[in-house]
Amino acid sequence: MTSLASKVFCRVERLCRHLPVVLNTFLVFSITGEVSYLVLLEAPLEPEQQKTAGSAWWKAVHLLAQYFMLGNICWNAVLFLRTSPSIRGVFLGGEGMGQGWRYCYTCETHTPPRCSHCYDCKVCVLRRDHHCVFFGQCVGFRNYRYFLSCLLFMWSGLLYATLMNAEVFIVILKEGLTLHSFLLLLIPWIMLVSGQVSARAFAFAFIADTCVVGFLLVSAFFFFHLFLMIRGQTTREWYSTRRPYNLGVLGNLRHSLGLRWYLCWLCPLIPSPLPGDGMNFQVTGSLEPSR
């Protein structure tokens, strides 16, 4: 009985771990489909402009930009998940151990500076930043580039989608801010279940709301991590206000994104080797936390 309960618990835990990835994938493709519909069928607004050559070019440019962002989001996410940030397969120890090395009693091994144990991933992670619940994996030394690039294109894609959905907000609010329009924007699920709106109106209102809320959340995450990268810090180091590994703006960019930091954000397939090994770091300040 105990063995059966343990197996069920493990399966439920595994399902919950992958649920955020599935939900994010569903939302990304739903937003992409809705914006594609707006581009192809709803814009331009004037009927006489919808069949002109300029309109066709307008739609082509918008679709190209839209699927360029979608491709970068998906490919960066795949590479982020496939790139292990952990110490597995990394030789630790030897004569290189020095200041900042610690012993992890869970992994039963010495770990280098900026490395810490993740109890969700059940392993120590090199230059661990944080455990991302949306991807179900830690952000560390080897996959930080893909994480930040994914945030960049999610931010730009949600900004684009929010601007494209401005027409949806205009249509909903064209009769003024009534109780019906306010509830449709605030709680579209309740309006659908109660039969106050059609499924089509609900879908547009729900995705438009998702774009706005998602844009605000991703903006906070993206600019926070951009701020940390420029300062040469991880999230854990920001908590302790330490900046012992700050190499200047250009040095921090190279250390986080690789030697081709100025190109790698355009496409995840552009090689950009990292200048370090995730174990040895140039120290430019005190390792003691400020008081």
C-alpha atoms as a PDB file:
ATOM      1  CA  MET A   1       0.000   0.000   0.000  1.00  0.00           C
ATOM      2  CA  THR A   2       2.831   2.336   0.884  1.00  0.00           C
ATOM      3  CA  SER A   3       4.615   1.524  -2.362  1.00  0.00           C
ATOM      4  CA  LEU A   4       1.475   2.279  -4.400  1.00  0.00           C
ATOM      5  CA  ALA A   5       0.952   5.590  -2.612  1.00  0.00           C
ATOM      6  CA  SER A   6       4.593   6.480  -3.206  1.00  0.00           C
ATOM      7  CA  LYS A   7       4.277   5.760  -6.930  1.00  0.00           C
ATOM      8  CA  VAL A   8       1.096   7.816  -7.182  1.00  0.00           C
ATOM      9  CA  PHE A   9       2.744  10.684  -5.322  1.00  0.00           C
ATOM     10  CA  CYS A  10       5.789  10.575  -7.621  1.00  0.00           C
ATOM     11  CA  ARG A  11       3.582  10.661 -10.731  1.00  0.00           C
ATOM     12  CA  VAL A  12       1.533  13.561  -9.383  1.00  0.00           C
ATOM     13  CA  GLU A  13       4.742  15.415  -8.483  1.00  0.00           C
ATOM     14  CA  ARG A  14       6.128  14.825 -11.986  1.00  0.00           C
ATOM     15  CA  LEU A  15       2.865  16.035 -13.531  1.00  0.00           C
ATOM     16  CA  CYS A  16       2.828  19.176 -11.387  1.00  0.00           C
ATOM     17  CA  ARG A  17       6.440  19.860 -12.341  1.00  0.00           C
ATOM     18  CA  HIS A  18       5.602  19.843 -16.066  1.00  0.00           C
ATOM     19  CA  LEU A  19       2.239  21.614 -15.718  1.00  0.00           C
ATOM     20  CA  PRO A  20       3.678  25.187 -15.852  1.00  0.00           C
ATOM     21  CA  VAL A  21       5.562  24.347 -19.072  1.00  0.00           C
ATOM     22  CA  VAL A  22       2.391  22.946 -20.673  1.00  0.00           C
ATOM     23  CA  LEU A  23       0.333  25.943 -19.531  1.00  0.00           C
ATOM     24  CA  ASN A  24       2.921  28.451 -20.799  1.00  0.00           C
ATOM     25  CA  THR A  25       3.101  26.647 -24.156  1.00  0.00           C
ATOM     26  CA  PHE A  26      -0.692  26.740 -24.470  1.00  0.00           C
ATOM     27  CA  LEU A  27      -0.827  30.461 -23.674  1.00  0.00           C
ATOM     28  CA  VAL A  28       2.011  31.336 -26.074  1.00  0.00           C
ATOM     29  CA  PHE A  29       0.393  29.529 -29.002  1.00  0.00           C
ATOM     30  CA  SER A  30      -3.078  30.829 -28.109  1.00  0.00           C
ATOM     31  CA  ILE A  31      -1.829  34.413 -28.141  1.00  0.00           C
ATOM     32  CA  THR A  32       0.028  33.778 -31.407  1.00  0.00           C
ATOM     33  CA  GLY A  33      -3.086  32.339 -33.035  1.00  0.00           C
ATOM     34  CA  GLU A  34      -5.271  35.214 -31.857  1.00  0.00           C
ATOM     35  CA  VAL A  35      -2.817  37.880 -33.059  1.00  0.00           C
ATOM     36  CA  SER A  36      -2.484  36.071 -36.406  1.00  0.00           C
ATOM     37  CA  TYR A  37      -6.267  36.185 -36.725  1.00  0.00           C
ATOM     38  CA  LEU A  38      -6.257  39.927 -35.994  1.00  0.00           C
ATOM     39  CA  VAL A  39      -3.558  40.518 -38.601  1.00  0.00           C
ATOM     40  CA  LEU A  40      -5.100  38.384 -41.342  1.00  0.00           C
ATOM     41  CA  LEU A  41      -8.825  39.056 -40.917  1.00  0.00           C
ATOM     42  CA  GLU A  42      -9.369  42.150 -38.802  1.00  0.00           C
ATOM     43  CA  ALA A  43      -6.729  44.614 -40.014  1.00  0.00           C
ATOM     44  CA  PRO A  44      -6.614  47.064 -41.679  1.00  0.00           C
ATOM     45  CA  LEU A  45      -9.851  48.339 -40.236  1.00  0.00           C
ATOM     46  CA  GLU A  46     -11.088  49.972 -43.461  1.00  0.00           C
ATOM     47  CA  PRO A  47     -12.621  47.427 -45.901  1.00  0.00           C
ATOM     48  CA  GLU A  48     -11.307  49.259 -48.985  1.00  0.00           C
ATOM     49  CA  GLN A  49      -7.721  48.857 -47.743  1.00  0.00           C
ATOM     50  CA  GLN A  50      -7.897  45.124 -47.010  1.00  0.00           C
ATOM     51  CA  LYS A  51      -7.299  43.984 -50.612  1.00  0.00           C
ATOM     52  CA  THR A  52      -4.585  46.432 -51.604  1.00  0.00           C
ATOM     53  CA  ALA A  53      -0.945  45.544 -52.225  1.00  0.00           C
ATOM     54  CA  GLY A  54       0.077  47.681 -49.258  1.00  0.00           C
ATOM     55  CA  SER A  55      -2.212  45.687 -47.016  1.00  0.00           C
ATOM     56  CA  ALA A  56      -0.661  42.411 -48.191  1.00  0.00           C
ATOM     57  CA  TRP A  57       2.844  43.706 -47.442  1.00  0.00           C
ATOM     58  CA  TRP A  58       1.653  45.014 -44.073  1.00  0.00           C
ATOM     59  CA  LYS A  59       0.307  41.592 -43.149  1.00  0.00           C
ATOM     60  CA  ALA A  60       3.421  39.808 -44.394  1.00  0.00           C
ATOM     61  CA  VAL A  61       5.731  42.019 -42.319  1.00  0.00           C
ATOM     62  CA  HIS A  62       3.589  41.565 -39.221  1.00  0.00           C
ATOM     63  CA  LEU A  63       3.408  37.793 -39.618  1.00  0.00           C
ATOM     64  CA  LEU A  64       7.163  37.577 -40.248  1.00  0.00           C
ATOM     65  CA  ALA A  65       7.937  39.577 -37.100  1.00  0.00           C
ATOM     66  CA  GLN A  66       5.401  37.605 -35.105  1.00  0.00           C
ATOM     67  CA  TYR A  67       6.726  34.176 -36.036  1.00  0.00           C
ATOM     68  CA  PHE A  68      10.330  35.334 -35.691  1.00  0.00           C
ATOM     69  CA  MET A  69       9.577  36.135 -32.060  1.00  0.00           C
ATOM     70  CA  LEU A  70       7.640  32.895 -31.592  1.00  0.00           C
ATOM     71  CA  GLY A  71      10.485  30.845 -33.065  1.00  0.00           C
ATOM     72  CA  ASN A  72      13.025  32.484 -30.770  1.00  0.00           C
ATOM     73  CA  ILE A  73      10.824  31.945 -27.719  1.00  0.00           C
ATOM     74  CA  CYS A  74      10.325  28.250 -28.470  1.00  0.00           C
ATOM     75  CA  TRP A  75      13.923  27.502 -29.499  1.00  0.00           C
ATOM     76  CA  ASN A  76      15.427  29.335 -26.536  1.00  0.00           C
ATOM     77  CA  ALA A  77      13.026  27.529 -24.216  1.00  0.00           C
ATOM     78  CA  VAL A  78      13.967  24.140 -25.700  1.00  0.00           C
ATOM     79  CA  LEU A  79      17.697  24.843 -25.388  1.00  0.00           C
ATOM     80  CA  PHE A  80      17.197  26.136 -21.850  1.00  0.00           C
ATOM     81  CA  LEU A  81      15.487  22.894 -20.831  1.00  0.00           C
ATOM     82  CA  ARG A  82      18.024  20.705 -22.660  1.00  0.00           C
ATOM     83  CA  THR A  83      21.076  22.485 -21.208  1.00  0.00           C
ATOM     84  CA  SER A  84      21.772  21.154 -17.747  1.00  0.00           C
ATOM     85  CA  PRO A  85      23.139  23.804 -15.342  1.00  0.00           C
ATOM     86  CA  SER A  86      24.033  21.216 -12.694  1.00  0.00           C
ATOM     87  CA  ILE A  87      27.376  19.814 -11.552  1.00  0.00           C
ATOM     88  CA  ARG A  88      26.615  16.420 -13.130  1.00  0.00           C
ATOM     89  CA  GLY A  89      29.453  15.455 -15.440  1.00  0.00           C
ATOM     90  CA  VAL A  90      31.717  18.209 -14.097  1.00  0.00           C
ATOM     91  CA  PHE A  91      34.984  17.308 -12.371  1.00  0.00           C
ATOM     92  CA  LEU A  92      35.071  18.976  -8.980  1.00  0.00           C
ATOM     93  CA  GLY A  93      37.937  19.077  -6.534  1.00  0.00           C
ATOM     94  CA  GLY A  94      41.615  18.574  -7.070  1.00  0.00           C
ATOM     95  CA  GLU A  95      44.098  21.343  -6.371  1.00  0.00           C
ATOM     96  CA  GLY A  96      41.778  24.062  -7.636  1.00  0.00           C
ATOM     97  CA  MET A  97      39.743  24.276  -4.415  1.00  0.00           C
ATOM     98  CA  GLY A  98      40.205  27.554  -2.607  1.00  0.00           C
ATOM     99  CA  GLN A  99      38.269  30.425  -1.111  1.00  0.00           C
ATOM    100  CA  GLY A 100      34.537  30.178  -1.616  1.00  0.00           C
ATOM    101  CA  TRP A 101      34.384  26.392  -1.980  1.00  0.00           C
ATOM    102  CA  ARG A 102      31.925  24.624   0.279  1.00  0.00           C
ATOM    103  CA  TYR A 103      30.812  21.090   1.015  1.00  0.00           C
ATOM    104  CA  CYS A 104      27.286  20.016   0.048  1.00  0.00           C
ATOM    105  CA  TYR A 105      26.112  17.330   2.438  1.00  0.00           C
ATOM    106  CA  THR A 106      23.195  16.424   0.166  1.00  0.00           C
ATOM    107  CA  CYS A 107      25.302  15.807  -2.962  1.00  0.00           C
ATOM    108  CA  GLU A 108      28.274  14.728  -0.782  1.00  0.00           C
ATOM    109  CA  THR A 109      30.820  16.723  -2.754  1.00  0.00           C
ATOM    110  CA  HIS A 110      32.723  20.008  -2.640  1.00  0.00           C
ATOM    111  CA  THR A 111      31.121  22.771  -4.674  1.00  0.00           C
ATOM    112  CA  PRO A 112      32.719  25.898  -6.183  1.00  0.00           C
ATOM    113  CA  PRO A 113      31.835  29.538  -5.456  1.00  0.00           C
ATOM    114  CA  ARG A 114      28.379  30.755  -6.557  1.00  0.00           C
ATOM    115  CA  CYS A 115      27.194  27.129  -6.675  1.00  0.00           C
ATOM    116  CA  SER A 116      24.314  26.046  -4.449  1.00  0.00           C
ATOM    117  CA  HIS A 117      21.982  23.112  -3.990  1.00  0.00           C
ATOM    118  CA  CYS A 118      18.467  23.150  -5.463  1.00  0.00           C
ATOM    119  CA  TYR A 119      16.011  20.995  -3.554  1.00  0.00           C
ATOM    120  CA  ASP A 120      13.584  20.999  -6.482  1.00  0.00           C
ATOM    121  CA  CYS A 121      16.171  19.762  -9.011  1.00  0.00           C
ATOM    122  CA  LYS A 122      17.834  17.661  -6.259  1.00  0.00           C
ATOM    123  CA  VAL A 123      21.345  18.650  -7.381  1.00  0.00           C
ATOM    124  CA  CYS A 124      23.870  21.467  -7.010  1.00  0.00           C
ATOM    125  CA  VAL A 125      23.837  24.058  -9.803  1.00  0.00           C
ATOM    126  CA  LEU A 126      26.854  25.992 -11.098  1.00  0.00           C
ATOM    127  CA  ARG A 127      26.469  29.756 -10.603  1.00  0.00           C
ATOM    128  CA  ARG A 128      22.897  29.153  -9.529  1.00  0.00           C
ATOM    129  CA  ASP A 129      20.596  32.125 -10.000  1.00  0.00           C
ATOM    130  CA  HIS A 130      17.194  30.700  -9.036  1.00  0.00           C
ATOM    131  CA  HIS A 131      14.792  27.853  -9.725  1.00  0.00           C
ATOM    132  CA  CYS A 132      12.365  28.921 -12.453  1.00  0.00           C
ATOM    133  CA  VAL A 133       8.923  27.496 -11.641  1.00  0.00           C
ATOM    134  CA  PHE A 134       7.643  28.362 -15.128  1.00  0.00           C
ATOM    135  CA  PHE A 135      10.200  26.039 -16.748  1.00  0.00           C
ATOM    136  CA  GLY A 136      10.653  23.632 -13.853  1.00  0.00           C
ATOM    137  CA  GLN A 137      14.444  23.965 -13.984  1.00  0.00           C
ATOM    138  CA  CYS A 138      17.193  26.013 -12.403  1.00  0.00           C
ATOM    139  CA  VAL A 139      18.811  28.987 -14.113  1.00  0.00           C
ATOM    140  CA  GLY A 140      22.571  28.592 -13.917  1.00  0.00           C
ATOM    141  CA  PHE A 141      25.899  29.210 -15.596  1.00  0.00           C
ATOM    142  CA  ARG A 142      25.330  27.215 -18.797  1.00  0.00           C
ATOM    143  CA  ASN A 143      21.686  28.069 -19.584  1.00  0.00           C
ATOM    144  CA  TYR A 144      21.459  31.693 -18.439  1.00  0.00           C
ATOM    145  CA  ARG A 145      21.827  32.958 -22.009  1.00  0.00           C
ATOM    146  CA  TYR A 146      18.778  31.017 -23.200  1.00  0.00           C
ATOM    147  CA  PHE A 147      16.738  32.082 -20.188  1.00  0.00           C
ATOM    148  CA  LEU A 148      17.429  35.795 -20.709  1.00  0.00           C
ATOM    149  CA  SER A 149      16.899  35.574 -24.501  1.00  0.00           C
ATOM    150  CA  CYS A 150      13.595  33.797 -23.931  1.00  0.00           C
ATOM    151  CA  LEU A 151      12.534  36.577 -21.555  1.00  0.00           C
ATOM    152  CA  LEU A 152      13.572  39.199 -24.122  1.00  0.00           C
ATOM    153  CA  PHE A 153      11.422  37.741 -26.900  1.00  0.00           C
ATOM    154  CA  MET A 154       8.533  37.016 -24.542  1.00  0.00           C
ATOM    155  CA  TRP A 155       8.631  40.654 -23.473  1.00  0.00           C
ATOM    156  CA  SER A 156       8.762  41.961 -27.060  1.00  0.00           C
ATOM    157  CA  GLY A 157       6.119  39.455 -28.190  1.00  0.00           C
ATOM    158  CA  LEU A 158       3.719  40.392 -25.389  1.00  0.00           C
ATOM    159  CA  LEU A 159       4.293  44.086 -26.061  1.00  0.00           C
ATOM    160  CA  TYR A 160       3.458  43.481 -29.727  1.00  0.00           C
ATOM    161  CA  ALA A 161       0.401  41.376 -28.814  1.00  0.00           C
ATOM    162  CA  THR A 162      -0.846  44.007 -26.349  1.00  0.00           C
ATOM    163  CA  LEU A 163      -0.608  46.729 -29.001  1.00  0.00           C
ATOM    164  CA  MET A 164      -2.382  44.521 -31.531  1.00  0.00           C
ATOM    165  CA  ASN A 165      -5.150  43.824 -29.000  1.00  0.00           C
ATOM    166  CA  ALA A 166      -5.773  47.526 -28.494  1.00  0.00           C
ATOM    167  CA  GLU A 167      -8.598  47.147 -31.027  1.00  0.00           C
ATOM    168  CA  VAL A 168     -10.209  44.530 -28.768  1.00  0.00           C
ATOM    169  CA  PHE A 169     -10.220  46.969 -25.838  1.00  0.00           C
ATOM    170  CA  ILE A 170     -11.596  49.703 -28.116  1.00  0.00           C
ATOM    171  CA  VAL A 171     -14.466  47.464 -29.251  1.00  0.00           C
ATOM    172  CA  ILE A 172     -15.291  46.426 -25.678  1.00  0.00           C
ATOM    173  CA  LEU A 173     -15.208  50.005 -24.390  1.00  0.00           C
ATOM    174  CA  LYS A 174     -16.786  51.717 -27.418  1.00  0.00           C
ATOM    175  CA  GLU A 175     -20.059  52.211 -25.511  1.00  0.00           C
ATOM    176  CA  GLY A 176     -18.269  53.513 -22.433  1.00  0.00           C
ATOM    177  CA  LEU A 177     -17.139  51.884 -19.227  1.00  0.00           C
ATOM    178  CA  THR A 178     -20.355  50.066 -18.343  1.00  0.00           C
ATOM    179  CA  LEU A 179     -20.732  47.301 -15.773  1.00  0.00           C
ATOM    180  CA  HIS A 180     -20.932  44.740 -18.592  1.00  0.00           C
ATOM    181  CA  SER A 181     -17.691  45.869 -20.252  1.00  0.00           C
ATOM    182  CA  PHE A 182     -15.909  46.195 -16.901  1.00  0.00           C
ATOM    183  CA  LEU A 183     -16.841  42.648 -15.856  1.00  0.00           C
ATOM    184  CA  LEU A 184     -15.926  41.300 -19.305  1.00  0.00           C
ATOM    185  CA  LEU A 185     -12.427  42.720 -18.948  1.00  0.00           C
ATOM    186  CA  LEU A 186     -12.035  41.803 -15.284  1.00  0.00           C
ATOM    187  CA  ILE A 187     -13.679  38.364 -15.015  1.00  0.00           C
ATOM    188  CA  PRO A 188     -14.375  37.003 -18.521  1.00  0.00           C
ATOM    189  CA  TRP A 189     -14.704  33.437 -17.182  1.00  0.00           C
ATOM    190  CA  ILE A 190     -17.708  34.382 -15.017  1.00  0.00           C
ATOM    191  CA  MET A 191     -19.314  36.237 -17.909  1.00  0.00           C
ATOM    192  CA  LEU A 192     -18.950  33.170 -20.135  1.00  0.00           C
ATOM    193  CA  VAL A 193     -20.329  30.698 -17.577  1.00  0.00           C
ATOM    194  CA  SER A 194     -23.283  32.959 -16.789  1.00  0.00           C
ATOM    195  CA  GLY A 195     -24.104  33.262 -20.499  1.00  0.00           C
ATOM    196  CA  GLN A 196     -23.545  37.032 -20.651  1.00  0.00           C
ATOM    197  CA  VAL A 197     -21.112  36.850 -23.569  1.00  0.00           C
ATOM    198  CA  SER A 198     -20.415  34.549 -26.498  1.00  0.00           C
ATOM    199  CA  ALA A 199     -17.437  32.178 -26.635  1.00  0.00           C
ATOM    200  CA  ARG A 200     -15.835  34.382 -29.309  1.00  0.00           C
ATOM    201  CA  ALA A 201     -16.111  37.542 -27.172  1.00  0.00           C
ATOM    202  CA  PHE A 202     -14.764  35.624 -24.170  1.00  0.00           C
ATOM    203  CA  ALA A 203     -11.759  34.322 -26.131  1.00  0.00           C
ATOM    204  CA  PHE A 204     -10.784  37.792 -27.344  1.00  0.00           C
ATOM    205  CA  ALA A 205     -11.271  39.375 -23.900  1.00  0.00           C
ATOM    206  CA  PHE A 206      -9.393  36.584 -22.095  1.00  0.00           C
ATOM    207  CA  ILE A 207      -6.396  36.672 -24.445  1.00  0.00           C
ATOM    208  CA  ALA A 208      -6.290  40.472 -24.378  1.00  0.00           C
ATOM    209  CA  ASP A 209      -6.261  40.395 -20.566  1.00  0.00           C
ATOM    210  CA  THR A 210      -3.581  37.686 -20.626  1.00  0.00           C
ATOM    211  CA  CYS A 211      -1.401  39.843 -22.887  1.00  0.00           C
ATOM    212  CA  VAL A 212      -1.590  42.837 -20.544  1.00  0.00           C
ATOM    213  CA  VAL A 213      -1.011  40.860 -17.333  1.00  0.00           C
ATOM    214  CA  GLY A 214       1.702  38.739 -18.962  1.00  0.00           C
ATOM    215  CA  PHE A 215       3.461  41.817 -20.316  1.00  0.00           C
ATOM    216  CA  LEU A 216       3.579  43.412 -16.857  1.00  0.00           C
ATOM    217  CA  LEU A 217       4.883  40.227 -15.205  1.00  0.00           C
ATOM    218  CA  VAL A 218       7.481  39.478 -17.889  1.00  0.00           C
ATOM    219  CA  SER A 219       8.597  43.128 -17.869  1.00  0.00           C
ATOM    220  CA  ALA A 220       9.308  42.884 -14.143  1.00  0.00           C
ATOM    221  CA  PHE A 221      11.262  39.620 -14.546  1.00  0.00           C
ATOM    222  CA  PHE A 222      13.159  40.741 -17.652  1.00  0.00           C
ATOM    223  CA  PHE A 223      14.311  44.145 -16.414  1.00  0.00           C
ATOM    224  CA  PHE A 224      15.176  42.734 -12.999  1.00  0.00           C
ATOM    225  CA  HIS A 225      17.460  40.102 -14.542  1.00  0.00           C
ATOM    226  CA  LEU A 226      18.863  42.638 -16.995  1.00  0.00           C
ATOM    227  CA  PHE A 227      19.706  44.828 -14.003  1.00  0.00           C
ATOM    228  CA  LEU A 228      21.374  41.890 -12.232  1.00  0.00           C
ATOM    229  CA  MET A 229      23.361  40.887 -15.317  1.00  0.00           C
ATOM    230  CA  ILE A 230      24.741  44.402 -15.778  1.00  0.00           C
ATOM    231  CA  ARG A 231      25.770  44.439 -12.105  1.00  0.00           C
ATOM    232  CA  GLY A 232      27.397  41.003 -12.305  1.00  0.00           C
ATOM    233  CA  GLN A 233      25.084  39.477  -9.703  1.00  0.00           C
ATOM    234  CA  THR A 234      22.813  36.494  -9.344  1.00  0.00           C
ATOM    235  CA  THR A 235      19.444  36.655  -7.601  1.00  0.00           C
ATOM    236  CA  ARG A 236      20.929  35.026  -4.503  1.00  0.00           C
ATOM    237  CA  GLU A 237      23.776  37.581  -4.426  1.00  0.00           C
ATOM    238  CA  TRP A 238      21.314  40.437  -4.837  1.00  0.00           C
ATOM    239  CA  TYR A 239      19.611  39.318  -1.619  1.00  0.00           C
ATOM    240  CA  SER A 240      22.902  39.707   0.235  1.00  0.00           C
ATOM    241  CA  THR A 241      23.840  42.950  -1.628  1.00  0.00           C
ATOM    242  CA  ARG A 242      27.255  41.486  -2.599  1.00  0.00           C
ATOM    243  CA  ARG A 243      29.044  42.495  -5.817  1.00  0.00           C
ATOM    244  CA  PRO A 244      32.410  40.722  -5.628  1.00  0.00           C
ATOM    245  CA  TYR A 245      32.231  39.451  -9.217  1.00  0.00           C
ATOM    246  CA  ASN A 246      31.405  42.718 -10.979  1.00  0.00           C
ATOM    247  CA  LEU A 247      33.608  42.973 -14.105  1.00  0.00           C
ATOM    248  CA  GLY A 248      32.056  46.099 -15.568  1.00  0.00           C
ATOM    249  CA  VAL A 249      29.168  46.221 -18.016  1.00  0.00           C
ATOM    250  CA  LEU A 250      30.991  44.640 -20.991  1.00  0.00           C
ATOM    251  CA  GLY A 251      32.716  42.058 -18.823  1.00  0.00           C
ATOM    252  CA  ASN A 252      29.434  41.049 -17.208  1.00  0.00           C
ATOM    253  CA  LEU A 253      27.757  40.759 -20.616  1.00  0.00           C
ATOM    254  CA  ARG A 254      30.520  38.474 -21.895  1.00  0.00           C
ATOM    255  CA  HIS A 255      30.442  36.396 -18.748  1.00  0.00           C
ATOM    256  CA  SER A 256      26.647  35.871 -18.922  1.00  0.00           C
ATOM    257  CA  LEU A 257      25.941  35.714 -22.673  1.00  0.00           C
ATOM    258  CA  GLY A 258      29.283  34.615 -24.096  1.00  0.00           C
ATOM    259  CA  LEU A 259      31.917  36.169 -26.328  1.00  0.00           C
ATOM    260  CA  ARG A 260      29.362  37.004 -29.042  1.00  0.00           C
ATOM    261  CA  TRP A 261      26.982  38.708 -26.619  1.00  0.00           C
ATOM    262  CA  TYR A 262      26.151  41.368 -29.228  1.00  0.00           C
ATOM    263  CA  LEU A 263      24.819  38.745 -31.699  1.00  0.00           C
ATOM    264  CA  CYS A 264      23.607  35.765 -29.673  1.00  0.00           C
ATOM    265  CA  TRP A 265      20.285  37.376 -28.721  1.00  0.00           C
ATOM    266  CA  LEU A 266      19.239  37.406 -32.399  1.00  0.00           C
ATOM    267  CA  CYS A 267      19.113  33.617 -32.638  1.00  0.00           C
ATOM    268  CA  PRO A 268      19.841  30.835 -30.118  1.00  0.00           C
ATOM    269  CA  LEU A 269      21.743  28.894 -32.803  1.00  0.00           C
ATOM    270  CA  ILE A 270      24.493  31.547 -32.993  1.00  0.00           C
ATOM    271  CA  PRO A 271      27.482  30.085 -31.094  1.00  0.00           C
ATOM    272  CA  SER A 272      28.617  32.225 -28.194  1.00  0.00           C
ATOM    273  CA  PRO A 273      31.100  30.322 -25.991  1.00  0.00           C
ATOM    274  CA  LEU A 274      31.253  31.346 -22.352  1.00  0.00           C
ATOM    275  CA  PRO A 275      34.657  32.635 -21.214  1.00  0.00           C
ATOM    276  CA  GLY A 276      34.709  30.647 -17.956  1.00  0.00           C
ATOM    277  CA  ASP A 277      33.995  27.185 -16.604  1.00  0.00           C
ATOM    278  CA  GLY A 278      31.398  28.073 -13.970  1.00  0.00           C
ATOM    279  CA  MET A 279      33.795  27.205 -11.135  1.00  0.00           C
ATOM    280  CA  ASN A 280      36.508  29.863 -11.182  1.00  0.00           C
ATOM    281  CA  PHE A 281      35.565  33.535 -11.098  1.00  0.00           C
ATOM    282  CA  GLN A 282      37.592  36.715 -11.054  1.00  0.00           C
ATOM    283  CA  VAL A 283      37.000  38.436  -7.727  1.00  0.00           C
ATOM    284  CA  THR A 284      36.918  42.230  -7.844  1.00  0.00           C
ATOM    285  CA  GLY A 285      35.443  42.946  -4.417  1.00  0.00           C
ATOM    286  CA  SER A 286      35.031  41.586  -0.938  1.00  0.00           C
ATOM    287  CA  LEU A 287      33.360  38.185  -0.577  1.00  0.00           C
ATOM    288  CA  GLU A 288      32.031  39.182   2.812  1.00  0.00           C
ATOM    289  CA  PRO A 289      28.386  40.385   2.803  1.00  0.00           C
ATOM    290  CA  SER A 290      27.920  44.056   3.503  1.00  0.00           C
ATOM    291  CA  ARG A 291      26.377  45.006   6.852  1.00  0.00           C
END
